[in-house]
Amino acid sequence: MTDSTEQRLAVERALMERARANAMRQVEQPPRRVLQHAIALALALAVVAVVMLGFDRFLTSMQKFMGLEIAEPPPGPAEPMPAYVVPAAPHGTDAAPNGGATSQPPDSRATPTGG
């Protein structure tokens, strides 16, 4: 019986020592890292300031752009320029450049020949 009693007392003593050590650790607070927090705060404020200044510059340039008057383009030629120009037939040949077919419709004012 003495062994079980001693063993029980040893376990209780060990548990009390752990509880006392935990209580002492809770009272002791780790030292604050004031310098690290101050540097982090300064860097965060610097990042916010850079972003805000960049956004301000962007908005200022957009206001200047929106305030510009849009100038009308100079007037172009009276007739529109064709997209494709058919080259003229070379001199001395009787054949049309497109195989003999004409792109112009027949003249409706022409009188039929025949009898």
PDB file of N, CA and C in Angstrom:
ATOM      1  N   MET A   1       0.796  -1.190   0.000  1.00  0.00           N
ATOM      2  CA  MET A   1       0.000   0.000   0.000  1.00  0.00           C
ATOM      3  C   MET A   1       0.845   1.263   0.000  1.00  0.00           C
ATOM      4  N   THR A   2       1.953   1.165   0.546  1.00  0.00           N
ATOM      5  CA  THR A   2       2.801   2.340   0.588  1.00  0.00           C
ATOM      6  C   THR A   2       3.299   2.728  -0.794  1.00  0.00           C
ATOM      7  N   ASP A   3       3.489   1.709  -1.658  1.00  0.00           N
ATOM      8  CA  ASP A   3       3.933   2.020  -3.017  1.00  0.00           C
ATOM      9  C   ASP A   3       2.863   2.781  -3.787  1.00  0.00           C
ATOM     10  N   SER A   4       1.631   2.350  -3.706  1.00  0.00           N
ATOM     11  CA  SER A   4       0.563   3.032  -4.436  1.00  0.00           C
ATOM     12  C   SER A   4       0.319   4.423  -3.860  1.00  0.00           C
ATOM     13  N   THR A   5       0.458   4.586  -2.548  1.00  0.00           N
ATOM     14  CA  THR A   5       0.281   5.891  -1.930  1.00  0.00           C
ATOM     15  C   THR A   5       1.410   6.822  -2.342  1.00  0.00           C
ATOM     16  N   GLU A   6       2.622   6.296  -2.303  1.00  0.00           N
ATOM     17  CA  GLU A   6       3.769   7.129  -2.710  1.00  0.00           C
ATOM     18  C   GLU A   6       3.681   7.495  -4.195  1.00  0.00           C
ATOM     19  N   GLN A   7       3.237   6.539  -4.979  1.00  0.00           N
ATOM     20  CA  GLN A   7       3.117   6.806  -6.406  1.00  0.00           C
ATOM     21  C   GLN A   7       2.038   7.865  -6.670  1.00  0.00           C
ATOM     22  N   ARG A   8       0.959   7.747  -5.931  1.00  0.00           N
ATOM     23  CA  ARG A   8      -0.109   8.725  -6.080  1.00  0.00           C
ATOM     24  C   ARG A   8       0.351  10.103  -5.634  1.00  0.00           C
ATOM     25  N   LEU A   9       1.094  10.189  -4.529  1.00  0.00           N
ATOM     26  CA  LEU A   9       1.616  11.468  -4.053  1.00  0.00           C
ATOM     27  C   LEU A   9       2.616  12.055  -5.046  1.00  0.00           C
ATOM     28  N   ALA A  10       3.409  11.215  -5.683  1.00  0.00           N
ATOM     29  CA  ALA A  10       4.381  11.692  -6.667  1.00  0.00           C
ATOM     30  C   ALA A  10       3.668  12.266  -7.897  1.00  0.00           C
ATOM     31  N   VAL A  11       2.616  11.599  -8.310  1.00  0.00           N
ATOM     32  CA  VAL A  11       1.853  12.107  -9.463  1.00  0.00           C
ATOM     33  C   VAL A  11       1.191  13.435  -9.111  1.00  0.00           C
ATOM     34  N   GLU A  12       0.633  13.519  -7.908  1.00  0.00           N
ATOM     35  CA  GLU A  12       0.012  14.778  -7.482  1.00  0.00           C
ATOM     36  C   GLU A  12       1.047  15.888  -7.395  1.00  0.00           C
ATOM     37  N   ARG A  13       2.220  15.568  -6.861  1.00  0.00           N
ATOM     38  CA  ARG A  13       3.285  16.558  -6.747  1.00  0.00           C
ATOM     39  C   ARG A  13       3.721  17.035  -8.141  1.00  0.00           C
ATOM     40  N   ALA A  14       3.840  16.116  -9.088  1.00  0.00           N
ATOM     41  CA  ALA A  14       4.239  16.479 -10.450  1.00  0.00           C
ATOM     42  C   ALA A  14       3.176  17.359 -11.109  1.00  0.00           C
ATOM     43  N   LEU A  15       1.920  17.019 -10.899  1.00  0.00           N
ATOM     44  CA  LEU A  15       0.840  17.840 -11.457  1.00  0.00           C
ATOM     45  C   LEU A  15       0.822  19.239 -10.843  1.00  0.00           C
ATOM     46  N   MET A  16       1.080  19.328  -9.535  1.00  0.00           N
ATOM     47  CA  MET A  16       1.117  20.634  -8.872  1.00  0.00           C
ATOM     48  C   MET A  16       2.286  21.470  -9.402  1.00  0.00           C
ATOM     49  N   GLU A  17       3.424  20.821  -9.632  1.00  0.00           N
ATOM     50  CA  GLU A  17       4.586  21.542 -10.170  1.00  0.00           C
ATOM     51  C   GLU A  17       4.271  22.083 -11.579  1.00  0.00           C
ATOM     52  N   ARG A  18       3.610  21.268 -12.394  1.00  0.00           N
ATOM     53  CA  ARG A  18       3.242  21.731 -13.745  1.00  0.00           C
ATOM     54  C   ARG A  18       2.267  22.896 -13.678  1.00  0.00           C
ATOM     55  N   ALA A  19       1.292  22.796 -12.780  1.00  0.00           N
ATOM     56  CA  ALA A  19       0.310  23.878 -12.644  1.00  0.00           C
ATOM     57  C   ALA A  19       0.985  25.150 -12.171  1.00  0.00           C
ATOM     58  N   ARG A  20       1.926  25.045 -11.211  1.00  0.00           N
ATOM     59  CA  ARG A  20       2.642  26.218 -10.703  1.00  0.00           C
ATOM     60  C   ARG A  20       3.490  26.848 -11.818  1.00  0.00           C
ATOM     61  N   ALA A  21       4.154  26.010 -12.620  1.00  0.00           N
ATOM     62  CA  ALA A  21       4.978  26.523 -13.722  1.00  0.00           C
ATOM     63  C   ALA A  21       4.110  27.216 -14.776  1.00  0.00           C
ATOM     64  N   ASN A  22       2.963  26.640 -15.081  1.00  0.00           N
ATOM     65  CA  ASN A  22       2.055  27.269 -16.049  1.00  0.00           C
ATOM     66  C   ASN A  22       1.525  28.600 -15.526  1.00  0.00           C
ATOM     67  N   ALA A  23       1.219  28.655 -14.233  1.00  0.00           N
ATOM     68  CA  ALA A  23       0.730  29.905 -13.645  1.00  0.00           C
ATOM     69  C   ALA A  23       1.809  30.979 -13.697  1.00  0.00           C
ATOM     70  N   MET A  24       3.062  30.619 -13.471  1.00  0.00           N
ATOM     71  CA  MET A  24       4.141  31.602 -13.531  1.00  0.00           C
ATOM     72  C   MET A  24       4.373  32.081 -14.970  1.00  0.00           C
ATOM     73  N   ARG A  25       4.227  31.189 -15.953  1.00  0.00           N
ATOM     74  CA  ARG A  25       4.406  31.584 -17.365  1.00  0.00           C
ATOM     75  C   ARG A  25       3.308  32.538 -17.809  1.00  0.00           C
ATOM     76  N   GLN A  26       2.109  32.356 -17.281  1.00  0.00           N
ATOM     77  CA  GLN A  26       1.007  33.237 -17.666  1.00  0.00           C
ATOM     78  C   GLN A  26       1.190  34.637 -17.096  1.00  0.00           C
ATOM     79  N   VAL A  27       1.788  34.752 -15.959  1.00  0.00           N
ATOM     80  CA  VAL A  27       2.023  36.059 -15.359  1.00  0.00           C
ATOM     81  C   VAL A  27       3.093  36.804 -16.138  1.00  0.00           C
ATOM     82  N   GLU A  28       4.128  36.104 -16.553  1.00  0.00           N
ATOM     83  CA  GLU A  28       5.209  36.734 -17.313  1.00  0.00           C
ATOM     84  C   GLU A  28       4.745  36.965 -18.747  1.00  0.00           C
ATOM     85  N   GLN A  29       4.797  38.210 -19.165  1.00  0.00           N
ATOM     86  CA  GLN A  29       4.441  38.517 -20.545  1.00  0.00           C
ATOM     87  C   GLN A  29       5.723  38.664 -21.348  1.00  0.00           C
ATOM     88  N   PRO A  30       5.700  38.173 -22.577  1.00  0.00           N
ATOM     89  CA  PRO A  30       6.896  38.323 -23.397  1.00  0.00           C
ATOM     90  C   PRO A  30       7.136  39.803 -23.707  1.00  0.00           C
ATOM     91  N   PRO A  31       8.364  40.196 -23.868  1.00  0.00           N
ATOM     92  CA  PRO A  31       8.632  41.609 -24.149  1.00  0.00           C
ATOM     93  C   PRO A  31       8.021  42.006 -25.492  1.00  0.00           C
ATOM     94  N   ARG A  32       7.485  43.207 -25.517  1.00  0.00           N
ATOM     95  CA  ARG A  32       6.863  43.695 -26.756  1.00  0.00           C
ATOM     96  C   ARG A  32       7.944  44.153 -27.719  1.00  0.00           C
ATOM     97  N   ARG A  33       7.695  43.892 -28.976  1.00  0.00           N
ATOM     98  CA  ARG A  33       8.638  44.295 -30.016  1.00  0.00           C
ATOM     99  C   ARG A  33       8.162  45.618 -30.599  1.00  0.00           C
ATOM    100  N   VAL A  34       8.418  46.674 -29.871  1.00  0.00           N
ATOM    101  CA  VAL A  34       7.924  47.997 -30.243  1.00  0.00           C
ATOM    102  C   VAL A  34       8.554  48.461 -31.546  1.00  0.00           C
ATOM    103  N   LEU A  35       9.837  48.277 -31.689  1.00  0.00           N
ATOM    104  CA  LEU A  35      10.531  48.738 -32.897  1.00  0.00           C
ATOM    105  C   LEU A  35      10.005  48.017 -34.140  1.00  0.00           C
ATOM    106  N   GLN A  36       9.793  46.724 -34.038  1.00  0.00           N
ATOM    107  CA  GLN A  36       9.286  45.960 -35.181  1.00  0.00           C
ATOM    108  C   GLN A  36       7.883  46.436 -35.561  1.00  0.00           C
ATOM    109  N   HIS A  37       7.034  46.672 -34.587  1.00  0.00           N
ATOM    110  CA  HIS A  37       5.674  47.145 -34.875  1.00  0.00           C
ATOM    111  C   HIS A  37       5.691  48.558 -35.455  1.00  0.00           C
ATOM    112  N   ALA A  38       6.576  49.408 -34.975  1.00  0.00           N
ATOM    113  CA  ALA A  38       6.664  50.779 -35.495  1.00  0.00           C
ATOM    114  C   ALA A  38       7.122  50.775 -36.952  1.00  0.00           C
ATOM    115  N   ILE A  39       8.103  49.929 -37.267  1.00  0.00           N
ATOM    116  CA  ILE A  39       8.580  49.840 -38.652  1.00  0.00           C
ATOM    117  C   ILE A  39       7.481  49.291 -39.564  1.00  0.00           C
ATOM    118  N   ALA A  40       6.769  48.284 -39.098  1.00  0.00           N
ATOM    119  CA  ALA A  40       5.681  47.709 -39.894  1.00  0.00           C
ATOM    120  C   ALA A  40       4.582  48.732 -40.134  1.00  0.00           C
ATOM    121  N   LEU A  41       4.249  49.520 -39.117  1.00  0.00           N
ATOM    122  CA  LEU A  41       3.231  50.559 -39.270  1.00  0.00           C
ATOM    123  C   LEU A  41       3.683  51.621 -40.258  1.00  0.00           C
ATOM    124  N   ALA A  42       4.940  52.036 -40.177  1.00  0.00           N
ATOM    125  CA  ALA A  42       5.463  53.045 -41.096  1.00  0.00           C
ATOM    126  C   ALA A  42       5.450  52.536 -42.534  1.00  0.00           C
ATOM    127  N   LEU A  43       5.838  51.286 -42.742  1.00  0.00           N
ATOM    128  CA  LEU A  43       5.816  50.724 -44.091  1.00  0.00           C
ATOM    129  C   LEU A  43       4.392  50.600 -44.632  1.00  0.00           C
ATOM    130  N   ALA A  44       3.462  50.212 -43.786  1.00  0.00           N
ATOM    131  CA  ALA A  44       2.069  50.105 -44.230  1.00  0.00           C
ATOM    132  C   ALA A  44       1.523  51.474 -44.625  1.00  0.00           C
ATOM    133  N   LEU A  45       1.833  52.494 -43.828  1.00  0.00           N
ATOM    134  CA  LEU A  45       1.386  53.851 -44.171  1.00  0.00           C
ATOM    135  C   LEU A  45       2.044  54.344 -45.458  1.00  0.00           C
ATOM    136  N   ALA A  46       3.294  53.986 -45.674  1.00  0.00           N
ATOM    137  CA  ALA A  46       3.978  54.386 -46.909  1.00  0.00           C
ATOM    138  C   ALA A  46       3.340  53.729 -48.129  1.00  0.00           C
ATOM    139  N   VAL A  47       2.989  52.457 -48.013  1.00  0.00           N
ATOM    140  CA  VAL A  47       2.340  51.765 -49.129  1.00  0.00           C
ATOM    141  C   VAL A  47       0.990  52.399 -49.431  1.00  0.00           C
ATOM    142  N   VAL A  48       0.217  52.704 -48.403  1.00  0.00           N
ATOM    143  CA  VAL A  48      -1.087  53.346 -48.603  1.00  0.00           C
ATOM    144  C   VAL A  48      -0.909  54.715 -49.246  1.00  0.00           C
ATOM    145  N   ALA A  49       0.082  55.483 -48.815  1.00  0.00           N
ATOM    146  CA  ALA A  49       0.320  56.805 -49.387  1.00  0.00           C
ATOM    147  C   ALA A  49       0.714  56.706 -50.857  1.00  0.00           C
ATOM    148  N   VAL A  50       1.565  55.750 -51.207  1.00  0.00           N
ATOM    149  CA  VAL A  50       1.983  55.592 -52.608  1.00  0.00           C
ATOM    150  C   VAL A  50       0.785  55.213 -53.482  1.00  0.00           C
ATOM    151  N   VAL A  51      -0.044  54.311 -52.997  1.00  0.00           N
ATOM    152  CA  VAL A  51      -1.219  53.902 -53.766  1.00  0.00           C
ATOM    153  C   VAL A  51      -2.179  55.081 -53.934  1.00  0.00           C
ATOM    154  N   MET A  52      -2.396  55.846 -52.884  1.00  0.00           N
ATOM    155  CA  MET A  52      -3.317  56.985 -52.964  1.00  0.00           C
ATOM    156  C   MET A  52      -2.767  58.063 -53.902  1.00  0.00           C
ATOM    157  N   LEU A  53      -1.472  58.331 -53.848  1.00  0.00           N
ATOM    158  CA  LEU A  53      -0.896  59.330 -54.744  1.00  0.00           C
ATOM    159  C   LEU A  53      -0.959  58.866 -56.205  1.00  0.00           C
ATOM    160  N   GLY A  54      -0.734  57.600 -56.439  1.00  0.00           N
ATOM    161  CA  GLY A  54      -0.860  57.068 -57.797  1.00  0.00           C
ATOM    162  C   GLY A  54      -2.281  57.175 -58.308  1.00  0.00           C
ATOM    163  N   PHE A  55      -3.242  56.887 -57.468  1.00  0.00           N
ATOM    164  CA  PHE A  55      -4.644  57.003 -57.856  1.00  0.00           C
ATOM    165  C   PHE A  55      -5.008  58.460 -58.116  1.00  0.00           C
ATOM    166  N   ASP A  56      -4.466  59.376 -57.313  1.00  0.00           N
ATOM    167  CA  ASP A  56      -4.714  60.796 -57.522  1.00  0.00           C
ATOM    168  C   ASP A  56      -4.136  61.251 -58.861  1.00  0.00           C
ATOM    169  N   ARG A  57      -2.939  60.803 -59.177  1.00  0.00           N
ATOM    170  CA  ARG A  57      -2.330  61.155 -60.472  1.00  0.00           C
ATOM    171  C   ARG A  57      -3.174  60.618 -61.625  1.00  0.00           C
ATOM    172  N   PHE A  58      -3.648  59.402 -61.480  1.00  0.00           N
ATOM    173  CA  PHE A  58      -4.476  58.803 -62.525  1.00  0.00           C
ATOM    174  C   PHE A  58      -5.748  59.609 -62.732  1.00  0.00           C
ATOM    175  N   LEU A  59      -6.414  59.957 -61.645  1.00  0.00           N
ATOM    176  CA  LEU A  59      -7.650  60.730 -61.773  1.00  0.00           C
ATOM    177  C   LEU A  59      -7.382  62.110 -62.355  1.00  0.00           C
ATOM    178  N   THR A  60      -6.269  62.738 -61.986  1.00  0.00           N
ATOM    179  CA  THR A  60      -5.932  64.049 -62.526  1.00  0.00           C
ATOM    180  C   THR A  60      -5.705  63.960 -64.032  1.00  0.00           C
ATOM    181  N   SER A  61      -4.984  62.957 -64.471  1.00  0.00           N
ATOM    182  CA  SER A  61      -4.741  62.829 -65.909  1.00  0.00           C
ATOM    183  C   SER A  61      -6.032  62.518 -66.662  1.00  0.00           C
ATOM    184  N   MET A  62      -6.922  61.745 -66.068  1.00  0.00           N
ATOM    185  CA  MET A  62      -8.196  61.465 -66.723  1.00  0.00           C
ATOM    186  C   MET A  62      -9.056  62.729 -66.807  1.00  0.00           C
ATOM    187  N   GLN A  63      -9.018  63.577 -65.782  1.00  0.00           N
ATOM    188  CA  GLN A  63      -9.764  64.832 -65.837  1.00  0.00           C
ATOM    189  C   GLN A  63      -9.212  65.732 -66.926  1.00  0.00           C
ATOM    190  N   LYS A  64      -7.890  65.772 -67.069  1.00  0.00           N
ATOM    191  CA  LYS A  64      -7.294  66.579 -68.134  1.00  0.00           C
ATOM    192  C   LYS A  64      -7.685  66.027 -69.496  1.00  0.00           C
ATOM    193  N   PHE A  65      -7.676  64.702 -69.626  1.00  0.00           N
ATOM    194  CA  PHE A  65      -8.035  64.091 -70.899  1.00  0.00           C
ATOM    195  C   PHE A  65      -9.499  64.358 -71.234  1.00  0.00           C
ATOM    196  N   MET A  66     -10.367  64.260 -70.253  1.00  0.00           N
ATOM    197  CA  MET A  66     -11.799  64.488 -70.497  1.00  0.00           C
ATOM    198  C   MET A  66     -12.088  65.959 -70.792  1.00  0.00           C
ATOM    199  N   GLY A  67     -11.236  66.851 -70.307  1.00  0.00           N
ATOM    200  CA  GLY A  67     -11.446  68.276 -70.526  1.00  0.00           C
ATOM    201  C   GLY A  67     -10.953  68.751 -71.880  1.00  0.00           C
ATOM    202  N   LEU A  68     -10.188  67.927 -72.599  1.00  0.00           N
ATOM    203  CA  LEU A  68      -9.689  68.328 -73.907  1.00  0.00           C
ATOM    204  C   LEU A  68     -10.830  68.422 -74.908  1.00  0.00           C
ATOM    205  N   GLU A  69     -10.740  69.427 -75.776  1.00  0.00           N
ATOM    206  CA  GLU A  69     -11.730  69.535 -76.833  1.00  0.00           C
ATOM    207  C   GLU A  69     -11.339  68.583 -77.948  1.00  0.00           C
ATOM    208  N   ILE A  70     -12.332  67.937 -78.499  1.00  0.00           N
ATOM    209  CA  ILE A  70     -12.074  67.006 -79.580  1.00  0.00           C
ATOM    210  C   ILE A  70     -12.121  67.797 -80.880  1.00  0.00           C
ATOM    211  N   ALA A  71     -11.012  67.807 -81.589  1.00  0.00           N
ATOM    212  CA  ALA A  71     -10.934  68.555 -82.839  1.00  0.00           C
ATOM    213  C   ALA A  71     -11.502  67.703 -83.965  1.00  0.00           C
ATOM    214  N   GLU A  72     -12.275  68.348 -84.832  1.00  0.00           N
ATOM    215  CA  GLU A  72     -12.834  67.648 -85.978  1.00  0.00           C
ATOM    216  C   GLU A  72     -11.715  67.367 -86.979  1.00  0.00           C
ATOM    217  N   PRO A  73     -11.745  66.231 -87.620  1.00  0.00           N
ATOM    218  CA  PRO A  73     -10.716  65.966 -88.625  1.00  0.00           C
ATOM    219  C   PRO A  73     -10.893  66.897 -89.814  1.00  0.00           C
ATOM    220  N   PRO A  74      -9.820  67.200 -90.524  1.00  0.00           N
ATOM    221  CA  PRO A  74      -9.951  68.101 -91.667  1.00  0.00           C
ATOM    222  C   PRO A  74     -10.856  67.470 -92.714  1.00  0.00           C
ATOM    223  N   PRO A  75     -11.590  68.315 -93.429  1.00  0.00           N
ATOM    224  CA  PRO A  75     -12.507  67.743 -94.431  1.00  0.00           C
ATOM    225  C   PRO A  75     -11.726  67.012 -95.514  1.00  0.00           C
ATOM    226  N   GLY A  76     -12.262  65.887 -95.927  1.00  0.00           N
ATOM    227  CA  GLY A  76     -11.605  65.064 -96.932  1.00  0.00           C
ATOM    228  C   GLY A  76     -11.974  65.528 -98.332  1.00  0.00           C
ATOM    229  N   PRO A  77     -11.551  64.801 -99.324  1.00  0.00           N
ATOM    230  CA  PRO A  77     -11.902  65.165-100.699  1.00  0.00           C
ATOM    231  C   PRO A  77     -13.412  65.048-100.920  1.00  0.00           C
ATOM    232  N   ALA A  78     -13.903  65.742-101.943  1.00  0.00           N
ATOM    233  CA  ALA A  78     -15.343  65.759-102.213  1.00  0.00           C
ATOM    234  C   ALA A  78     -15.844  64.376-102.593  1.00  0.00           C
ATOM    235  N   GLU A  79     -15.065  63.646-103.375  1.00  0.00           N
ATOM    236  CA  GLU A  79     -15.479  62.314-103.787  1.00  0.00           C
ATOM    237  C   GLU A  79     -14.710  61.285-102.955  1.00  0.00           C
ATOM    238  N   PRO A  80     -15.382  60.236-102.562  1.00  0.00           N
ATOM    239  CA  PRO A  80     -14.660  59.227-101.787  1.00  0.00           C
ATOM    240  C   PRO A  80     -13.660  58.493-102.674  1.00  0.00           C
ATOM    241  N   MET A  81     -12.588  58.099-102.072  1.00  0.00           N
ATOM    242  CA  MET A  81     -11.558  57.374-102.813  1.00  0.00           C
ATOM    243  C   MET A  81     -11.989  55.917-102.945  1.00  0.00           C
ATOM    244  N   PRO A  82     -11.926  55.351-104.150  1.00  0.00           N
ATOM    245  CA  PRO A  82     -12.338  53.957-104.304  1.00  0.00           C
ATOM    246  C   PRO A  82     -11.361  53.024-103.589  1.00  0.00           C
ATOM    247  N   ALA A  83     -11.903  51.893-103.150  1.00  0.00           N
ATOM    248  CA  ALA A  83     -11.077  50.936-102.433  1.00  0.00           C
ATOM    249  C   ALA A  83     -10.164  50.177-103.386  1.00  0.00           C
ATOM    250  N   TYR A  84     -10.610  49.964-104.625  1.00  0.00           N
ATOM    251  CA  TYR A  84      -9.817  49.230-105.604  1.00  0.00           C
ATOM    252  C   TYR A  84     -10.003  49.894-106.958  1.00  0.00           C
ATOM    253  N   VAL A  85      -8.916  50.134-107.640  1.00  0.00           N
ATOM    254  CA  VAL A  85      -8.972  50.768-108.956  1.00  0.00           C
ATOM    255  C   VAL A  85      -8.547  49.744-109.985  1.00  0.00           C
ATOM    256  N   VAL A  86      -9.367  49.548-111.026  1.00  0.00           N
ATOM    257  CA  VAL A  86      -9.052  48.616-112.099  1.00  0.00           C
ATOM    258  C   VAL A  86      -8.055  49.297-113.024  1.00  0.00           C
ATOM    259  N   PRO A  87      -6.930  48.656-113.277  1.00  0.00           N
ATOM    260  CA  PRO A  87      -5.945  49.297-114.152  1.00  0.00           C
ATOM    261  C   PRO A  87      -6.467  49.394-115.585  1.00  0.00           C
ATOM    262  N   ALA A  88      -6.011  50.408-116.278  1.00  0.00           N
ATOM    263  CA  ALA A  88      -6.432  50.604-117.669  1.00  0.00           C
ATOM    264  C   ALA A  88      -5.818  49.518-118.545  1.00  0.00           C
ATOM    265  N   ALA A  89      -6.480  49.229-119.698  1.00  0.00           N
ATOM    266  CA  ALA A  89      -5.976  48.221-120.629  1.00  0.00           C
ATOM    267  C   ALA A  89      -4.701  48.731-121.266  1.00  0.00           C
ATOM    268  N   PRO A  90      -3.733  47.871-121.440  1.00  0.00           N
ATOM    269  CA  PRO A  90      -2.494  48.300-122.079  1.00  0.00           C
ATOM    270  C   PRO A  90      -2.757  48.714-123.528  1.00  0.00           C
ATOM    271  N   HIS A  91      -2.013  49.656-124.003  1.00  0.00           N
ATOM    272  CA  HIS A  91      -2.180  50.141-125.376  1.00  0.00           C
ATOM    273  C   HIS A  91      -1.747  49.075-126.360  1.00  0.00           C
ATOM    274  N   GLY A  92      -2.518  48.921-127.405  1.00  0.00           N
ATOM    275  CA  GLY A  92      -2.155  47.988-128.460  1.00  0.00           C
ATOM    276  C   GLY A  92      -2.810  46.638-128.318  1.00  0.00           C
ATOM    277  N   THR A  93      -3.589  46.391-127.279  1.00  0.00           N
ATOM    278  CA  THR A  93      -4.299  45.117-127.166  1.00  0.00           C
ATOM    279  C   THR A  93      -5.774  45.392-127.237  1.00  0.00           C
ATOM    280  N   ASP A  94      -6.498  44.470-127.881  1.00  0.00           N
ATOM    281  CA  ASP A  94      -7.941  44.649-128.026  1.00  0.00           C
ATOM    282  C   ASP A  94      -8.721  43.959-126.917  1.00  0.00           C
ATOM    283  N   ALA A  95      -8.086  43.078-126.183  1.00  0.00           N
ATOM    284  CA  ALA A  95      -8.789  42.305-125.156  1.00  0.00           C
ATOM    285  C   ALA A  95      -8.988  43.148-123.912  1.00  0.00           C
ATOM    286  N   ALA A  96     -10.134  42.970-123.311  1.00  0.00           N
ATOM    287  CA  ALA A  96     -10.432  43.674-122.065  1.00  0.00           C
ATOM    288  C   ALA A  96      -9.657  42.990-120.936  1.00  0.00           C
ATOM    289  N   PRO A  97      -9.295  43.716-119.882  1.00  0.00           N
ATOM    290  CA  PRO A  97      -8.494  43.115-118.815  1.00  0.00           C
ATOM    291  C   PRO A  97      -9.207  42.018-118.053  1.00  0.00           C
ATOM    292  N   ASN A  98     -10.544  41.969-118.093  1.00  0.00           N
ATOM    293  CA  ASN A  98     -11.258  40.949-117.318  1.00  0.00           C
ATOM    294  C   ASN A  98     -11.821  39.850-118.208  1.00  0.00           C
ATOM    295  N   GLY A  99     -11.151  39.521-119.270  1.00  0.00           N
ATOM    296  CA  GLY A  99     -11.559  38.391-120.094  1.00  0.00           C
ATOM    297  C   GLY A  99     -12.640  38.734-121.087  1.00  0.00           C
ATOM    298  N   GLY A 100     -12.824  39.959-121.461  1.00  0.00           N
ATOM    299  CA  GLY A 100     -13.811  40.333-122.457  1.00  0.00           C
ATOM    300  C   GLY A 100     -15.120  40.807-121.879  1.00  0.00           C
ATOM    301  N   ALA A 101     -15.388  40.567-120.624  1.00  0.00           N
ATOM    302  CA  ALA A 101     -16.646  41.010-120.027  1.00  0.00           C
ATOM    303  C   ALA A 101     -16.512  42.462-119.610  1.00  0.00           C
ATOM    304  N   THR A 102     -17.547  43.185-119.810  1.00  0.00           N
ATOM    305  CA  THR A 102     -17.531  44.587-119.420  1.00  0.00           C
ATOM    306  C   THR A 102     -18.266  44.743-118.107  1.00  0.00           C
ATOM    307  N   SER A 103     -17.789  45.634-117.318  1.00  0.00           N
ATOM    308  CA  SER A 103     -18.435  45.835-116.032  1.00  0.00           C
ATOM    309  C   SER A 103     -19.526  46.891-116.102  1.00  0.00           C
ATOM    310  N   GLN A 104     -19.652  47.581-117.236  1.00  0.00           N
ATOM    311  CA  GLN A 104     -20.676  48.614-117.370  1.00  0.00           C
ATOM    312  C   GLN A 104     -21.944  48.007-117.964  1.00  0.00           C
ATOM    313  N   PRO A 105     -23.105  48.395-117.472  1.00  0.00           N
ATOM    314  CA  PRO A 105     -24.362  47.875-118.024  1.00  0.00           C
ATOM    315  C   PRO A 105     -24.589  48.470-119.418  1.00  0.00           C
ATOM    316  N   PRO A 106     -25.352  47.795-120.241  1.00  0.00           N
ATOM    317  CA  PRO A 106     -25.629  48.341-121.575  1.00  0.00           C
ATOM    318  C   PRO A 106     -26.402  49.640-121.469  1.00  0.00           C
ATOM    319  N   ASP A 107     -26.160  50.512-122.417  1.00  0.00           N
ATOM    320  CA  ASP A 107     -26.803  51.825-122.427  1.00  0.00           C
ATOM    321  C   ASP A 107     -28.263  51.654-122.852  1.00  0.00           C
ATOM    322  N   SER A 108     -29.169  52.091-122.038  1.00  0.00           N
ATOM    323  CA  SER A 108     -30.593  51.930-122.349  1.00  0.00           C
ATOM    324  C   SER A 108     -31.059  52.914-123.410  1.00  0.00           C
ATOM    325  N   ARG A 109     -30.284  53.958-123.664  1.00  0.00           N
ATOM    326  CA  ARG A 109     -30.683  54.944-124.676  1.00  0.00           C
ATOM    327  C   ARG A 109     -30.284  54.511-126.078  1.00  0.00           C
ATOM    328  N   ALA A 110     -29.473  53.473-126.168  1.00  0.00           N
ATOM    329  CA  ALA A 110     -29.025  53.038-127.499  1.00  0.00           C
ATOM    330  C   ALA A 110     -30.200  52.433-128.267  1.00  0.00           C
ATOM    331  N   THR A 111     -30.232  52.686-129.564  1.00  0.00           N
ATOM    332  CA  THR A 111     -31.300  52.150-130.396  1.00  0.00           C
ATOM    333  C   THR A 111     -30.874  50.824-130.962  1.00  0.00           C
ATOM    334  N   PRO A 112     -31.774  49.873-131.029  1.00  0.00           N
ATOM    335  CA  PRO A 112     -31.403  48.587-131.578  1.00  0.00           C
ATOM    336  C   PRO A 112     -31.139  48.704-133.093  1.00  0.00           C
ATOM    337  N   THR A 113     -30.159  47.986-133.517  1.00  0.00           N
ATOM    338  CA  THR A 113     -29.852  47.990-134.943  1.00  0.00           C
ATOM    339  C   THR A 113     -30.523  46.798-135.598  1.00  0.00           C
ATOM    340  N   GLY A 114     -30.895  46.936-136.732  1.00  0.00           N
ATOM    341  CA  GLY A 114     -31.529  45.812-137.440  1.00  0.00           C
ATOM    342  C   GLY A 114     -32.772  46.323-138.150  1.00  0.00           C
ATOM    343  N   GLY A 115     -33.396  45.478-138.786  1.00  0.00           N
ATOM    344  CA  GLY A 115     -34.301  46.004-139.644  1.00  0.00           C
ATOM    345  C   GLY A 115     -35.639  45.847-139.765  1.00  0.00           C
TER     346      GLY A 115
END
